[in-house]
Amino acid sequence: MKTFRLIPIILVVLMACSGEELNPLDHAVAKACQRCDASRQQMNWLRDLIEETRQATNSGDFYIIQHKSKPPFIVHQPNVMSCIGCIQYDCRGKLLSGDELTSLQFSEFTAWTRIYNVPLK
């Protein structure tokens, strides 16, 4: 019986020592680094953009979009449930034309992954 009492204590100690978990912003940047094959320093623009969006009155989701024939790109969807006002960036942070997303065939997207949500204020 004493062994069963020690198991929860051991689990708590192991979880506490297992390392620091990433906060949502760090997790978003890590996902973007992985998909864009970039370093964290190269993705600082994304961290800054998310921070600016969080500080402003804007809200919305950030996605990484993967397509069969294009390099991955990042989309900020400031309007809930609509991509009318979506802002698109390549992995280097360069603003893409508004037609980039609409000109692609939806059936050729290989992944559309939400990496961060900026909640409404």
PDB file of N, CA and C in Angstrom:
ATOM      1  N   MET A   1       0.808  -1.204   0.000  1.00  0.00           N
ATOM      2  CA  MET A   1       0.000   0.000   0.000  1.00  0.00           C
ATOM      3  C   MET A   1       0.851   1.268   0.000  1.00  0.00           C
ATOM      4  N   LYS A   2       1.972   1.245   0.706  1.00  0.00           N
ATOM      5  CA  LYS A   2       2.829   2.430   0.755  1.00  0.00           C
ATOM      6  C   LYS A   2       3.404   2.743  -0.619  1.00  0.00           C
ATOM      7  N   THR A   3       3.629   1.713  -1.416  1.00  0.00           N
ATOM      8  CA  THR A   3       4.159   1.914  -2.767  1.00  0.00           C
ATOM      9  C   THR A   3       3.186   2.733  -3.604  1.00  0.00           C
ATOM     10  N   PHE A   4       1.908   2.460  -3.494  1.00  0.00           N
ATOM     11  CA  PHE A   4       0.904   3.187  -4.273  1.00  0.00           C
ATOM     12  C   PHE A   4       0.812   4.648  -3.847  1.00  0.00           C
ATOM     13  N   ARG A   5       1.127   4.947  -2.612  1.00  0.00           N
ATOM     14  CA  ARG A   5       1.111   6.332  -2.141  1.00  0.00           C
ATOM     15  C   ARG A   5       2.312   7.106  -2.693  1.00  0.00           C
ATOM     16  N   LEU A   6       3.400   6.427  -2.935  1.00  0.00           N
ATOM     17  CA  LEU A   6       4.598   7.091  -3.439  1.00  0.00           C
ATOM     18  C   LEU A   6       4.521   7.393  -4.935  1.00  0.00           C
ATOM     19  N   ILE A   7       3.745   6.634  -5.665  1.00  0.00           N
ATOM     20  CA  ILE A   7       3.675   6.814  -7.118  1.00  0.00           C
ATOM     21  C   ILE A   7       3.239   8.231  -7.500  1.00  0.00           C
ATOM     22  N   PRO A   8       2.168   8.788  -6.921  1.00  0.00           N
ATOM     23  CA  PRO A   8       1.802  10.161  -7.292  1.00  0.00           C
ATOM     24  C   PRO A   8       2.891  11.181  -6.957  1.00  0.00           C
ATOM     25  N   ILE A   9       3.567  10.988  -5.847  1.00  0.00           N
ATOM     26  CA  ILE A   9       4.638  11.909  -5.456  1.00  0.00           C
ATOM     27  C   ILE A   9       5.788  11.823  -6.451  1.00  0.00           C
ATOM     28  N   ILE A  10       6.149  10.617  -6.836  1.00  0.00           N
ATOM     29  CA  ILE A  10       7.231  10.431  -7.808  1.00  0.00           C
ATOM     30  C   ILE A  10       6.854  11.058  -9.148  1.00  0.00           C
ATOM     31  N   LEU A  11       5.618  10.879  -9.566  1.00  0.00           N
ATOM     32  CA  LEU A  11       5.165  11.457 -10.833  1.00  0.00           C
ATOM     33  C   LEU A  11       5.231  12.984 -10.807  1.00  0.00           C
ATOM     34  N   VAL A  12       4.829  13.596  -9.699  1.00  0.00           N
ATOM     35  CA  VAL A  12       4.872  15.049  -9.578  1.00  0.00           C
ATOM     36  C   VAL A  12       6.311  15.547  -9.645  1.00  0.00           C
ATOM     37  N   VAL A  13       7.214  14.867  -8.970  1.00  0.00           N
ATOM     38  CA  VAL A  13       8.627  15.251  -8.983  1.00  0.00           C
ATOM     39  C   VAL A  13       9.202  15.113 -10.389  1.00  0.00           C
ATOM     40  N   LEU A  14       8.888  14.023 -11.070  1.00  0.00           N
ATOM     41  CA  LEU A  14       9.391  13.824 -12.433  1.00  0.00           C
ATOM     42  C   LEU A  14       8.860  14.887 -13.387  1.00  0.00           C
ATOM     43  N   MET A  15       7.592  15.235 -13.255  1.00  0.00           N
ATOM     44  CA  MET A  15       7.014  16.250 -14.131  1.00  0.00           C
ATOM     45  C   MET A  15       7.640  17.613 -13.856  1.00  0.00           C
ATOM     46  N   ALA A  16       7.926  17.901 -12.605  1.00  0.00           N
ATOM     47  CA  ALA A  16       8.535  19.183 -12.256  1.00  0.00           C
ATOM     48  C   ALA A  16       9.966  19.286 -12.778  1.00  0.00           C
ATOM     49  N   CYS A  17      10.647  18.180 -12.869  1.00  0.00           N
ATOM     50  CA  CYS A  17      12.031  18.173 -13.321  1.00  0.00           C
ATOM     51  C   CYS A  17      12.181  17.916 -14.816  1.00  0.00           C
ATOM     52  N   SER A  18      11.101  17.714 -15.511  1.00  0.00           N
ATOM     53  CA  SER A  18      11.182  17.319 -16.912  1.00  0.00           C
ATOM     54  C   SER A  18      11.518  18.471 -17.842  1.00  0.00           C
ATOM     55  N   GLY A  19      11.639  19.656 -17.326  1.00  0.00           N
ATOM     56  CA  GLY A  19      11.980  20.786 -18.177  1.00  0.00           C
ATOM     57  C   GLY A  19      10.808  21.733 -18.319  1.00  0.00           C
ATOM     58  N   GLU A  20      11.127  22.878 -18.811  1.00  0.00           N
ATOM     59  CA  GLU A  20      10.128  23.932 -18.949  1.00  0.00           C
ATOM     60  C   GLU A  20       9.314  23.722 -20.219  1.00  0.00           C
ATOM     61  N   GLU A  21       8.010  23.809 -20.092  1.00  0.00           N
ATOM     62  CA  GLU A  21       7.154  23.693 -21.267  1.00  0.00           C
ATOM     63  C   GLU A  21       7.128  25.025 -22.003  1.00  0.00           C
ATOM     64  N   LEU A  22       6.939  24.957 -23.300  1.00  0.00           N
ATOM     65  CA  LEU A  22       6.872  26.165 -24.111  1.00  0.00           C
ATOM     66  C   LEU A  22       5.548  26.877 -23.894  1.00  0.00           C
ATOM     67  N   ASN A  23       5.611  28.196 -23.802  1.00  0.00           N
ATOM     68  CA  ASN A  23       4.362  28.956 -23.748  1.00  0.00           C
ATOM     69  C   ASN A  23       3.771  28.973 -25.157  1.00  0.00           C
ATOM     70  N   PRO A  24       2.511  29.373 -25.327  1.00  0.00           N
ATOM     71  CA  PRO A  24       1.873  29.315 -26.653  1.00  0.00           C
ATOM     72  C   PRO A  24       2.618  30.093 -27.744  1.00  0.00           C
ATOM     73  N   LEU A  25       3.203  31.234 -27.406  1.00  0.00           N
ATOM     74  CA  LEU A  25       3.936  32.018 -28.398  1.00  0.00           C
ATOM     75  C   LEU A  25       5.195  31.278 -28.841  1.00  0.00           C
ATOM     76  N   ASP A  26       5.949  30.743 -27.883  1.00  0.00           N
ATOM     77  CA  ASP A  26       7.148  29.969 -28.226  1.00  0.00           C
ATOM     78  C   ASP A  26       6.781  28.728 -29.037  1.00  0.00           C
ATOM     79  N   HIS A  27       5.670  28.119 -28.684  1.00  0.00           N
ATOM     80  CA  HIS A  27       5.213  26.928 -29.406  1.00  0.00           C
ATOM     81  C   HIS A  27       4.866  27.283 -30.854  1.00  0.00           C
ATOM     82  N   ALA A  28       4.212  28.419 -31.070  1.00  0.00           N
ATOM     83  CA  ALA A  28       3.867  28.862 -32.422  1.00  0.00           C
ATOM     84  C   ALA A  28       5.120  29.111 -33.256  1.00  0.00           C
ATOM     85  N   VAL A  29       6.089  29.785 -32.668  1.00  0.00           N
ATOM     86  CA  VAL A  29       7.329  30.070 -33.387  1.00  0.00           C
ATOM     87  C   VAL A  29       8.083  28.769 -33.675  1.00  0.00           C
ATOM     88  N   ALA A  30       8.077  27.839 -32.727  1.00  0.00           N
ATOM     89  CA  ALA A  30       8.746  26.550 -32.945  1.00  0.00           C
ATOM     90  C   ALA A  30       8.098  25.788 -34.103  1.00  0.00           C
ATOM     91  N   LYS A  31       6.763  25.794 -34.171  1.00  0.00           N
ATOM     92  CA  LYS A  31       6.075  25.136 -35.290  1.00  0.00           C
ATOM     93  C   LYS A  31       6.443  25.791 -36.611  1.00  0.00           C
ATOM     94  N   ALA A  32       6.468  27.113 -36.615  1.00  0.00           N
ATOM     95  CA  ALA A  32       6.817  27.837 -37.837  1.00  0.00           C
ATOM     96  C   ALA A  32       8.259  27.539 -38.247  1.00  0.00           C
ATOM     97  N   CYS A  33       9.150  27.474 -37.292  1.00  0.00           N
ATOM     98  CA  CYS A  33      10.551  27.135 -37.592  1.00  0.00           C
ATOM     99  C   CYS A  33      10.641  25.764 -38.250  1.00  0.00           C
ATOM    100  N   GLN A  34       9.911  24.831 -37.711  1.00  0.00           N
ATOM    101  CA  GLN A  34       9.937  23.472 -38.241  1.00  0.00           C
ATOM    102  C   GLN A  34       9.402  23.433 -39.670  1.00  0.00           C
ATOM    103  N   ARG A  35       8.251  24.030 -39.899  1.00  0.00           N
ATOM    104  CA  ARG A  35       7.625  23.981 -41.226  1.00  0.00           C
ATOM    105  C   ARG A  35       8.380  24.814 -42.260  1.00  0.00           C
ATOM    106  N   CYS A  36       8.960  25.922 -41.810  1.00  0.00           N
ATOM    107  CA  CYS A  36       9.680  26.805 -42.738  1.00  0.00           C
ATOM    108  C   CYS A  36      11.159  26.454 -42.847  1.00  0.00           C
ATOM    109  N   ASP A  37      11.585  25.466 -42.080  1.00  0.00           N
ATOM    110  CA  ASP A  37      12.997  25.071 -42.051  1.00  0.00           C
ATOM    111  C   ASP A  37      13.876  26.290 -41.767  1.00  0.00           C
ATOM    112  N   ALA A  38      13.547  26.963 -40.673  1.00  0.00           N
ATOM    113  CA  ALA A  38      14.226  28.204 -40.305  1.00  0.00           C
ATOM    114  C   ALA A  38      14.613  28.162 -38.827  1.00  0.00           C
ATOM    115  N   SER A  39      15.557  29.007 -38.456  1.00  0.00           N
ATOM    116  CA  SER A  39      15.963  29.108 -37.052  1.00  0.00           C
ATOM    117  C   SER A  39      15.004  30.048 -36.320  1.00  0.00           C
ATOM    118  N   ARG A  40      15.077  30.025 -35.002  1.00  0.00           N
ATOM    119  CA  ARG A  40      14.237  30.938 -34.210  1.00  0.00           C
ATOM    120  C   ARG A  40      14.576  32.394 -34.517  1.00  0.00           C
ATOM    121  N   GLN A  41      15.851  32.669 -34.730  1.00  0.00           N
ATOM    122  CA  GLN A  41      16.244  34.038 -35.062  1.00  0.00           C
ATOM    123  C   GLN A  41      15.632  34.468 -36.387  1.00  0.00           C
ATOM    124  N   GLN A  42      15.584  33.562 -37.345  1.00  0.00           N
ATOM    125  CA  GLN A  42      14.994  33.885 -38.645  1.00  0.00           C
ATOM    126  C   GLN A  42      13.489  34.103 -38.538  1.00  0.00           C
ATOM    127  N   MET A  43      12.868  33.572 -37.506  1.00  0.00           N
ATOM    128  CA  MET A  43      11.414  33.714 -37.334  1.00  0.00           C
ATOM    129  C   MET A  43      11.051  34.764 -36.287  1.00  0.00           C
ATOM    130  N   ASN A  44      12.010  35.590 -35.881  1.00  0.00           N
ATOM    131  CA  ASN A  44      11.706  36.655 -34.919  1.00  0.00           C
ATOM    132  C   ASN A  44      10.622  37.593 -35.432  1.00  0.00           C
ATOM    133  N   TRP A  45      10.548  37.778 -36.737  1.00  0.00           N
ATOM    134  CA  TRP A  45       9.514  38.642 -37.305  1.00  0.00           C
ATOM    135  C   TRP A  45       8.120  38.133 -36.946  1.00  0.00           C
ATOM    136  N   LEU A  46       7.961  36.795 -36.915  1.00  0.00           N
ATOM    137  CA  LEU A  46       6.660  36.215 -36.575  1.00  0.00           C
ATOM    138  C   LEU A  46       6.338  36.449 -35.102  1.00  0.00           C
ATOM    139  N   ARG A  47       7.318  36.245 -34.248  1.00  0.00           N
ATOM    140  CA  ARG A  47       7.130  36.514 -32.819  1.00  0.00           C
ATOM    141  C   ARG A  47       6.704  37.969 -32.619  1.00  0.00           C
ATOM    142  N   ASP A  48       7.404  38.889 -33.287  1.00  0.00           N
ATOM    143  CA  ASP A  48       7.079  40.310 -33.159  1.00  0.00           C
ATOM    144  C   ASP A  48       5.680  40.609 -33.682  1.00  0.00           C
ATOM    145  N   LEU A  49       5.314  39.997 -34.799  1.00  0.00           N
ATOM    146  CA  LEU A  49       3.991  40.215 -35.388  1.00  0.00           C
ATOM    147  C   LEU A  49       2.885  39.720 -34.459  1.00  0.00           C
ATOM    148  N   ILE A  50       3.070  38.553 -33.882  1.00  0.00           N
ATOM    149  CA  ILE A  50       2.067  38.028 -32.945  1.00  0.00           C
ATOM    150  C   ILE A  50       1.970  38.921 -31.716  1.00  0.00           C
ATOM    151  N   GLU A  51       3.113  39.361 -31.204  1.00  0.00           N
ATOM    152  CA  GLU A  51       3.114  40.258 -30.037  1.00  0.00           C
ATOM    153  C   GLU A  51       2.396  41.565 -30.360  1.00  0.00           C
ATOM    154  N   GLU A  52       2.685  42.139 -31.537  1.00  0.00           N
ATOM    155  CA  GLU A  52       2.009  43.378 -31.934  1.00  0.00           C
ATOM    156  C   GLU A  52       0.502  43.169 -32.030  1.00  0.00           C
ATOM    157  N   THR A  53       0.105  42.041 -32.586  1.00  0.00           N
ATOM    158  CA  THR A  53      -1.313  41.737 -32.730  1.00  0.00           C
ATOM    159  C   THR A  53      -1.966  41.570 -31.359  1.00  0.00           C
ATOM    160  N   ARG A  54      -1.263  40.937 -30.441  1.00  0.00           N
ATOM    161  CA  ARG A  54      -1.800  40.761 -29.087  1.00  0.00           C
ATOM    162  C   ARG A  54      -1.964  42.097 -28.377  1.00  0.00           C
ATOM    163  N   GLN A  55      -1.030  43.030 -28.592  1.00  0.00           N
ATOM    164  CA  GLN A  55      -1.079  44.333 -27.920  1.00  0.00           C
ATOM    165  C   GLN A  55      -2.133  45.247 -28.528  1.00  0.00           C
ATOM    166  N   ALA A  56      -2.375  45.098 -29.817  1.00  0.00           N
ATOM    167  CA  ALA A  56      -3.376  45.932 -30.499  1.00  0.00           C
ATOM    168  C   ALA A  56      -4.770  45.378 -30.218  1.00  0.00           C
ATOM    169  N   THR A  57      -5.741  45.993 -30.787  1.00  0.00           N
ATOM    170  CA  THR A  57      -7.107  45.523 -30.591  1.00  0.00           C
ATOM    171  C   THR A  57      -7.446  44.394 -31.561  1.00  0.00           C
ATOM    172  N   ASN A  58      -6.504  44.053 -32.437  1.00  0.00           N
ATOM    173  CA  ASN A  58      -6.738  42.974 -33.406  1.00  0.00           C
ATOM    174  C   ASN A  58      -6.850  41.633 -32.698  1.00  0.00           C
ATOM    175  N   SER A  59      -7.404  40.704 -33.380  1.00  0.00           N
ATOM    176  CA  SER A  59      -7.468  39.338 -32.885  1.00  0.00           C
ATOM    177  C   SER A  59      -7.298  38.435 -34.087  1.00  0.00           C
ATOM    178  N   GLY A  60      -7.508  37.173 -33.894  1.00  0.00           N
ATOM    179  CA  GLY A  60      -7.488  36.255 -35.019  1.00  0.00           C
ATOM    180  C   GLY A  60      -6.459  35.165 -34.877  1.00  0.00           C
ATOM    181  N   ASP A  61      -6.447  34.328 -35.887  1.00  0.00           N
ATOM    182  CA  ASP A  61      -5.577  33.167 -35.882  1.00  0.00           C
ATOM    183  C   ASP A  61      -4.393  33.365 -36.815  1.00  0.00           C
ATOM    184  N   PHE A  62      -3.328  32.639 -36.501  1.00  0.00           N
ATOM    185  CA  PHE A  62      -2.167  32.545 -37.376  1.00  0.00           C
ATOM    186  C   PHE A  62      -2.063  31.097 -37.831  1.00  0.00           C
ATOM    187  N   TYR A  63      -1.871  30.910 -39.127  1.00  0.00           N
ATOM    188  CA  TYR A  63      -1.785  29.575 -39.713  1.00  0.00           C
ATOM    189  C   TYR A  63      -0.494  29.430 -40.497  1.00  0.00           C
ATOM    190  N   ILE A  64      -0.050  28.192 -40.619  1.00  0.00           N
ATOM    191  CA  ILE A  64       0.978  27.848 -41.598  1.00  0.00           C
ATOM    192  C   ILE A  64       0.270  27.023 -42.658  1.00  0.00           C
ATOM    193  N   ILE A  65       0.420  27.448 -43.887  1.00  0.00           N
ATOM    194  CA  ILE A  65      -0.229  26.783 -45.006  1.00  0.00           C
ATOM    195  C   ILE A  65       0.833  26.068 -45.825  1.00  0.00           C
ATOM    196  N   GLN A  66       0.576  24.820 -46.138  1.00  0.00           N
ATOM    197  CA  GLN A  66       1.466  24.070 -47.014  1.00  0.00           C
ATOM    198  C   GLN A  66       0.688  23.648 -48.246  1.00  0.00           C
ATOM    199  N   HIS A  67       1.347  23.764 -49.376  1.00  0.00           N
ATOM    200  CA  HIS A  67       0.736  23.494 -50.666  1.00  0.00           C
ATOM    201  C   HIS A  67       1.681  22.605 -51.464  1.00  0.00           C
ATOM    202  N   LYS A  68       1.122  21.811 -52.372  1.00  0.00           N
ATOM    203  CA  LYS A  68       1.939  20.886 -53.171  1.00  0.00           C
ATOM    204  C   LYS A  68       3.034  21.597 -53.959  1.00  0.00           C
ATOM    205  N   SER A  69       2.725  22.739 -54.549  1.00  0.00           N
ATOM    206  CA  SER A  69       3.664  23.355 -55.479  1.00  0.00           C
ATOM    207  C   SER A  69       4.299  24.653 -54.975  1.00  0.00           C
ATOM    208  N   LYS A  70       4.031  25.049 -53.739  1.00  0.00           N
ATOM    209  CA  LYS A  70       4.556  26.309 -53.205  1.00  0.00           C
ATOM    210  C   LYS A  70       5.282  26.056 -51.890  1.00  0.00           C
ATOM    211  N   PRO A  71       6.251  26.923 -51.558  1.00  0.00           N
ATOM    212  CA  PRO A  71       6.838  26.824 -50.216  1.00  0.00           C
ATOM    213  C   PRO A  71       5.782  27.191 -49.176  1.00  0.00           C
ATOM    214  N   PRO A  72       5.973  26.772 -47.924  1.00  0.00           N
ATOM    215  CA  PRO A  72       4.981  27.117 -46.893  1.00  0.00           C
ATOM    216  C   PRO A  72       4.872  28.632 -46.747  1.00  0.00           C
ATOM    217  N   PHE A  73       3.702  29.077 -46.332  1.00  0.00           N
ATOM    218  CA  PHE A  73       3.534  30.491 -46.027  1.00  0.00           C
ATOM    219  C   PHE A  73       2.642  30.631 -44.809  1.00  0.00           C
ATOM    220  N   ILE A  74       2.681  31.821 -44.223  1.00  0.00           N
ATOM    221  CA  ILE A  74       1.975  32.077 -42.972  1.00  0.00           C
ATOM    222  C   ILE A  74       0.846  33.060 -43.247  1.00  0.00           C
ATOM    223  N   VAL A  75      -0.294  32.776 -42.671  1.00  0.00           N
ATOM    224  CA  VAL A  75      -1.482  33.602 -42.863  1.00  0.00           C
ATOM    225  C   VAL A  75      -1.978  34.089 -41.504  1.00  0.00           C
ATOM    226  N   HIS A  76      -2.221  35.399 -41.420  1.00  0.00           N
ATOM    227  CA  HIS A  76      -2.904  35.952 -40.253  1.00  0.00           C
ATOM    228  C   HIS A  76      -4.329  36.224 -40.677  1.00  0.00           C
ATOM    229  N   GLN A  77      -5.263  35.588 -39.995  1.00  0.00           N
ATOM    230  CA  GLN A  77      -6.690  35.732 -40.280  1.00  0.00           C
ATOM    231  C   GLN A  77      -7.302  36.591 -39.177  1.00  0.00           C
ATOM    232  N   PRO A  78      -7.344  37.917 -39.374  1.00  0.00           N
ATOM    233  CA  PRO A  78      -7.842  38.779 -38.296  1.00  0.00           C
ATOM    234  C   PRO A  78      -9.343  38.691 -38.080  1.00  0.00           C
ATOM    235  N   ASN A  79     -10.094  38.263 -39.076  1.00  0.00           N
ATOM    236  CA  ASN A  79     -11.548  38.150 -38.938  1.00  0.00           C
ATOM    237  C   ASN A  79     -11.931  36.699 -38.712  1.00  0.00           C
ATOM    238  N   VAL A  80     -12.733  36.485 -37.706  1.00  0.00           N
ATOM    239  CA  VAL A  80     -13.161  35.132 -37.386  1.00  0.00           C
ATOM    240  C   VAL A  80     -13.987  34.571 -38.535  1.00  0.00           C
ATOM    241  N   MET A  81     -13.674  33.369 -38.928  1.00  0.00           N
ATOM    242  CA  MET A  81     -14.428  32.618 -39.940  1.00  0.00           C
ATOM    243  C   MET A  81     -14.419  33.254 -41.328  1.00  0.00           C
ATOM    244  N   SER A  82     -13.486  34.134 -41.614  1.00  0.00           N
ATOM    245  CA  SER A  82     -13.424  34.730 -42.944  1.00  0.00           C
ATOM    246  C   SER A  82     -11.980  35.027 -43.290  1.00  0.00           C
ATOM    247  N   CYS A  83     -11.612  34.752 -44.521  1.00  0.00           N
ATOM    248  CA  CYS A  83     -10.263  35.082 -44.956  1.00  0.00           C
ATOM    249  C   CYS A  83     -10.292  36.254 -45.932  1.00  0.00           C
ATOM    250  N   ILE A  84     -11.367  37.033 -45.886  1.00  0.00           N
ATOM    251  CA  ILE A  84     -11.449  38.204 -46.753  1.00  0.00           C
ATOM    252  C   ILE A  84     -10.309  39.163 -46.449  1.00  0.00           C
ATOM    253  N   GLY A  85      -9.996  39.343 -45.193  1.00  0.00           N
ATOM    254  CA  GLY A  85      -8.926  40.251 -44.804  1.00  0.00           C
ATOM    255  C   GLY A  85      -7.640  39.559 -44.410  1.00  0.00           C
ATOM    256  N   CYS A  86      -7.436  38.335 -44.855  1.00  0.00           N
ATOM    257  CA  CYS A  86      -6.233  37.598 -44.477  1.00  0.00           C
ATOM    258  C   CYS A  86      -4.975  38.298 -44.986  1.00  0.00           C
ATOM    259  N   ILE A  87      -3.951  38.241 -44.167  1.00  0.00           N
ATOM    260  CA  ILE A  87      -2.655  38.829 -44.502  1.00  0.00           C
ATOM    261  C   ILE A  87      -1.676  37.667 -44.609  1.00  0.00           C
ATOM    262  N   GLN A  88      -0.970  37.614 -45.719  1.00  0.00           N
ATOM    263  CA  GLN A  88      -0.116  36.469 -46.019  1.00  0.00           C
ATOM    264  C   GLN A  88       1.356  36.878 -46.058  1.00  0.00           C
ATOM    265  N   TYR A  89       2.196  36.010 -45.501  1.00  0.00           N
ATOM    266  CA  TYR A  89       3.629  36.257 -45.435  1.00  0.00           C
ATOM    267  C   TYR A  89       4.370  35.005 -45.882  1.00  0.00           C
ATOM    268  N   ASP A  90       5.526  35.206 -46.499  1.00  0.00           N
ATOM    269  CA  ASP A  90       6.365  34.041 -46.740  1.00  0.00           C
ATOM    270  C   ASP A  90       7.138  33.750 -45.458  1.00  0.00           C
ATOM    271  N   CYS A  91       7.942  32.723 -45.462  1.00  0.00           N
ATOM    272  CA  CYS A  91       8.648  32.313 -44.239  1.00  0.00           C
ATOM    273  C   CYS A  91       9.719  33.300 -43.793  1.00  0.00           C
ATOM    274  N   ARG A  92      10.067  34.245 -44.647  1.00  0.00           N
ATOM    275  CA  ARG A  92      11.045  35.272 -44.274  1.00  0.00           C
ATOM    276  C   ARG A  92      10.368  36.529 -43.730  1.00  0.00           C
ATOM    277  N   GLY A  93       9.027  36.555 -43.758  1.00  0.00           N
ATOM    278  CA  GLY A  93       8.299  37.700 -43.246  1.00  0.00           C
ATOM    279  C   GLY A  93       7.899  38.693 -44.318  1.00  0.00           C
ATOM    280  N   LYS A  94       8.178  38.375 -45.581  1.00  0.00           N
ATOM    281  CA  LYS A  94       7.804  39.257 -46.688  1.00  0.00           C
ATOM    282  C   LYS A  94       6.297  39.161 -46.914  1.00  0.00           C
ATOM    283  N   LEU A  95       5.657  40.312 -47.009  1.00  0.00           N
ATOM    284  CA  LEU A  95       4.224  40.371 -47.256  1.00  0.00           C
ATOM    285  C   LEU A  95       3.950  39.880 -48.675  1.00  0.00           C
ATOM    286  N   LEU A  96       3.020  38.928 -48.800  1.00  0.00           N
ATOM    287  CA  LEU A  96       2.652  38.395 -50.106  1.00  0.00           C
ATOM    288  C   LEU A  96       1.428  39.123 -50.639  1.00  0.00           C
ATOM    289  N   SER A  97       1.236  39.050 -51.940  1.00  0.00           N
ATOM    290  CA  SER A  97       0.069  39.698 -52.533  1.00  0.00           C
ATOM    291  C   SER A  97      -1.199  39.009 -52.039  1.00  0.00           C
ATOM    292  N   GLY A  98      -2.284  39.723 -52.027  1.00  0.00           N
ATOM    293  CA  GLY A  98      -3.553  39.178 -51.550  1.00  0.00           C
ATOM    294  C   GLY A  98      -4.095  38.052 -52.394  1.00  0.00           C
ATOM    295  N   ASP A  99      -3.571  37.912 -53.604  1.00  0.00           N
ATOM    296  CA  ASP A  99      -4.062  36.871 -54.510  1.00  0.00           C
ATOM    297  C   ASP A  99      -3.383  35.525 -54.309  1.00  0.00           C
ATOM    298  N   GLU A 100      -2.323  35.496 -53.523  1.00  0.00           N
ATOM    299  CA  GLU A 100      -1.555  34.258 -53.357  1.00  0.00           C
ATOM    300  C   GLU A 100      -2.430  33.105 -52.886  1.00  0.00           C
ATOM    301  N   LEU A 101      -3.221  33.330 -51.860  1.00  0.00           N
ATOM    302  CA  LEU A 101      -4.058  32.274 -51.307  1.00  0.00           C
ATOM    303  C   LEU A 101      -5.232  31.946 -52.229  1.00  0.00           C
ATOM    304  N   THR A 102      -5.861  32.952 -52.780  1.00  0.00           N
ATOM    305  CA  THR A 102      -7.048  32.706 -53.590  1.00  0.00           C
ATOM    306  C   THR A 102      -6.723  32.083 -54.942  1.00  0.00           C
ATOM    307  N   SER A 103      -5.483  32.249 -55.420  1.00  0.00           N
ATOM    308  CA  SER A 103      -5.126  31.692 -56.725  1.00  0.00           C
ATOM    309  C   SER A 103      -4.762  30.212 -56.653  1.00  0.00           C
ATOM    310  N   LEU A 104      -4.576  29.680 -55.470  1.00  0.00           N
ATOM    311  CA  LEU A 104      -4.200  28.275 -55.322  1.00  0.00           C
ATOM    312  C   LEU A 104      -5.438  27.393 -55.277  1.00  0.00           C
ATOM    313  N   GLN A 105      -5.313  26.206 -55.812  1.00  0.00           N
ATOM    314  CA  GLN A 105      -6.430  25.274 -55.760  1.00  0.00           C
ATOM    315  C   GLN A 105      -6.486  24.640 -54.376  1.00  0.00           C
ATOM    316  N   PHE A 106      -7.654  24.728 -53.765  1.00  0.00           N
ATOM    317  CA  PHE A 106      -7.834  24.236 -52.404  1.00  0.00           C
ATOM    318  C   PHE A 106      -7.468  22.755 -52.282  1.00  0.00           C
ATOM    319  N   SER A 107      -7.737  21.978 -53.307  1.00  0.00           N
ATOM    320  CA  SER A 107      -7.471  20.540 -53.255  1.00  0.00           C
ATOM    321  C   SER A 107      -5.973  20.221 -53.187  1.00  0.00           C
ATOM    322  N   GLU A 108      -5.134  21.203 -53.486  1.00  0.00           N
ATOM    323  CA  GLU A 108      -3.691  20.966 -53.472  1.00  0.00           C
ATOM    324  C   GLU A 108      -3.016  21.394 -52.169  1.00  0.00           C
ATOM    325  N   PHE A 109      -3.806  21.873 -51.201  1.00  0.00           N
ATOM    326  CA  PHE A 109      -3.227  22.172 -49.897  1.00  0.00           C
ATOM    327  C   PHE A 109      -2.910  20.857 -49.200  1.00  0.00           C
ATOM    328  N   THR A 110      -1.727  20.760 -48.635  1.00  0.00           N
ATOM    329  CA  THR A 110      -1.362  19.541 -47.917  1.00  0.00           C
ATOM    330  C   THR A 110      -1.508  19.717 -46.409  1.00  0.00           C
ATOM    331  N   ALA A 111      -1.492  20.956 -45.938  1.00  0.00           N
ATOM    332  CA  ALA A 111      -1.696  21.214 -44.503  1.00  0.00           C
ATOM    333  C   ALA A 111      -2.109  22.665 -44.302  1.00  0.00           C
ATOM    334  N   TRP A 112      -3.003  22.855 -43.367  1.00  0.00           N
ATOM    335  CA  TRP A 112      -3.489  24.180 -42.958  1.00  0.00           C
ATOM    336  C   TRP A 112      -3.525  24.111 -41.441  1.00  0.00           C
ATOM    337  N   THR A 113      -2.452  24.534 -40.808  1.00  0.00           N
ATOM    338  CA  THR A 113      -2.277  24.326 -39.380  1.00  0.00           C
ATOM    339  C   THR A 113      -2.349  25.635 -38.607  1.00  0.00           C
ATOM    340  N   ARG A 114      -3.296  25.712 -37.662  1.00  0.00           N
ATOM    341  CA  ARG A 114      -3.356  26.898 -36.792  1.00  0.00           C
ATOM    342  C   ARG A 114      -2.222  26.795 -35.786  1.00  0.00           C
ATOM    343  N   ILE A 115      -1.405  27.850 -35.729  1.00  0.00           N
ATOM    344  CA  ILE A 115      -0.283  27.840 -34.785  1.00  0.00           C
ATOM    345  C   ILE A 115      -0.495  28.783 -33.613  1.00  0.00           C
ATOM    346  N   TYR A 116      -1.401  29.758 -33.752  1.00  0.00           N
ATOM    347  CA  TYR A 116      -1.613  30.684 -32.647  1.00  0.00           C
ATOM    348  C   TYR A 116      -2.981  31.344 -32.787  1.00  0.00           C
ATOM    349  N   ASN A 117      -3.629  31.581 -31.663  1.00  0.00           N
ATOM    350  CA  ASN A 117      -4.894  32.304 -31.631  1.00  0.00           C
ATOM    351  C   ASN A 117      -4.747  33.506 -30.736  1.00  0.00           C
ATOM    352  N   VAL A 118      -5.033  34.683 -31.293  1.00  0.00           N
ATOM    353  CA  VAL A 118      -5.057  35.914 -30.499  1.00  0.00           C
ATOM    354  C   VAL A 118      -6.510  36.139 -30.117  1.00  0.00           C
ATOM    355  N   PRO A 119      -6.850  36.001 -28.838  1.00  0.00           N
ATOM    356  CA  PRO A 119      -8.259  36.100 -28.442  1.00  0.00           C
ATOM    357  C   PRO A 119      -8.795  37.527 -28.566  1.00  0.00           C
ATOM    358  N   LEU A 120     -10.100  37.620 -28.734  1.00  0.00           N
ATOM    359  CA  LEU A 120     -10.767  38.915 -28.755  1.00  0.00           C
ATOM    360  C   LEU A 120     -10.585  39.610 -27.424  1.00  0.00           C
ATOM    361  N   LYS A 121     -10.447  40.917 -27.470  1.00  0.00           N
ATOM    362  CA  LYS A 121     -10.312  41.672 -26.213  1.00  0.00           C
ATOM    363  C   LYS A 121     -11.647  42.235 -25.808  1.00  0.00           C
TER     364      LYS A 121
END
